[in-house]
Amino acid sequence: MSAGRAKAVVAQINELCAELRPHALELVEGLGIPEAWLNSQMLEDETAARWTPGA
């Protein structure tokens, strides 16, 4: 996959995530995700800020 196409894919994924974000709680509740999983370190702001896709 070319670098340009990869960037386009990432941009599209980000756009779709932004579209889903307002519905995140409903999705989590609807899928029955255990509340304990919601305390994952990956979900902490500091960790999320350092995380980069593909790293």
C-alpha atoms as a PDB file:
ATOM      1  CA  MET A   1       0.000   0.000   0.000  1.00  0.00           C
ATOM      2  CA  SER A   2       1.402   3.376  -0.918  1.00  0.00           C
ATOM      3  CA  ALA A   3       2.062   6.034   1.723  1.00  0.00           C
ATOM      4  CA  GLY A   4      -0.644   8.252   0.233  1.00  0.00           C
ATOM      5  CA  ARG A   5      -3.203   5.470   0.301  1.00  0.00           C
ATOM      6  CA  ALA A   6      -2.239   4.550   3.872  1.00  0.00           C
ATOM      7  CA  LYS A   7      -2.768   8.162   4.940  1.00  0.00           C
ATOM      8  CA  ALA A   8      -6.168   8.170   3.238  1.00  0.00           C
ATOM      9  CA  VAL A   9      -7.141   4.993   5.102  1.00  0.00           C
ATOM     10  CA  VAL A  10      -6.081   6.510   8.437  1.00  0.00           C
ATOM     11  CA  ALA A  11      -8.008   9.693   7.656  1.00  0.00           C
ATOM     12  CA  GLN A  12     -11.138   7.692   6.819  1.00  0.00           C
ATOM     13  CA  ILE A  13     -10.848   5.638  10.003  1.00  0.00           C
ATOM     14  CA  ASN A  14     -10.474   8.816  12.055  1.00  0.00           C
ATOM     15  CA  GLU A  15     -13.538  10.293  10.367  1.00  0.00           C
ATOM     16  CA  LEU A  16     -15.592   7.177  11.102  1.00  0.00           C
ATOM     17  CA  CYS A  17     -14.423   7.105  14.731  1.00  0.00           C
ATOM     18  CA  ALA A  18     -15.427  10.756  15.120  1.00  0.00           C
ATOM     19  CA  GLU A  19     -18.850   9.864  13.738  1.00  0.00           C
ATOM     20  CA  LEU A  20     -19.227   6.998  16.228  1.00  0.00           C
ATOM     21  CA  ARG A  21     -17.808   8.847  19.246  1.00  0.00           C
ATOM     22  CA  PRO A  22     -21.134  10.414  20.333  1.00  0.00           C
ATOM     23  CA  HIS A  23     -22.635   6.917  20.421  1.00  0.00           C
ATOM     24  CA  ALA A  24     -19.754   5.188  22.221  1.00  0.00           C
ATOM     25  CA  LEU A  25     -21.524   4.677  25.534  1.00  0.00           C
ATOM     26  CA  GLU A  26     -24.585   3.196  23.847  1.00  0.00           C
ATOM     27  CA  LEU A  27     -22.378   0.851  21.830  1.00  0.00           C
ATOM     28  CA  VAL A  28     -20.428  -0.279  24.891  1.00  0.00           C
ATOM     29  CA  GLU A  29     -23.630  -0.907  26.827  1.00  0.00           C
ATOM     30  CA  GLY A  30     -25.265  -2.661  23.867  1.00  0.00           C
ATOM     31  CA  LEU A  31     -22.317  -4.990  23.376  1.00  0.00           C
ATOM     32  CA  GLY A  32     -22.245  -5.941  27.051  1.00  0.00           C
ATOM     33  CA  ILE A  33     -18.620  -4.944  27.581  1.00  0.00           C
ATOM     34  CA  PRO A  34     -17.773  -5.492  31.282  1.00  0.00           C
ATOM     35  CA  GLU A  35     -17.292  -2.283  33.247  1.00  0.00           C
ATOM     36  CA  ALA A  36     -13.926  -3.542  34.521  1.00  0.00           C
ATOM     37  CA  TRP A  37     -12.599  -3.512  30.963  1.00  0.00           C
ATOM     38  CA  LEU A  38     -13.409   0.179  30.722  1.00  0.00           C
ATOM     39  CA  ASN A  39     -10.646   0.908  33.230  1.00  0.00           C
ATOM     40  CA  SER A  40      -7.965  -0.283  30.813  1.00  0.00           C
ATOM     41  CA  GLN A  41      -4.739   1.703  30.936  1.00  0.00           C
ATOM     42  CA  MET A  42      -4.987   2.102  27.156  1.00  0.00           C
ATOM     43  CA  LEU A  43      -8.049   4.299  27.723  1.00  0.00           C
ATOM     44  CA  GLU A  44      -6.201   6.730  29.985  1.00  0.00           C
ATOM     45  CA  ASP A  45      -5.636  10.141  28.400  1.00  0.00           C
ATOM     46  CA  GLU A  46      -1.867  10.083  28.955  1.00  0.00           C
ATOM     47  CA  THR A  47      -1.482   6.657  27.366  1.00  0.00           C
ATOM     48  CA  ALA A  48      -3.825   7.495  24.472  1.00  0.00           C
ATOM     49  CA  ALA A  49      -1.862  10.674  23.758  1.00  0.00           C
ATOM     50  CA  ARG A  50       1.364   8.663  23.440  1.00  0.00           C
ATOM     51  CA  TRP A  51      -0.171   5.836  21.388  1.00  0.00           C
ATOM     52  CA  THR A  52       0.281   6.003  17.650  1.00  0.00           C
ATOM     53  CA  PRO A  53      -1.474   3.711  15.173  1.00  0.00           C
ATOM     54  CA  GLY A  54       0.802   1.004  13.821  1.00  0.00           C
ATOM     55  CA  ALA A  55       3.419   1.491  16.538  1.00  0.00           C
END
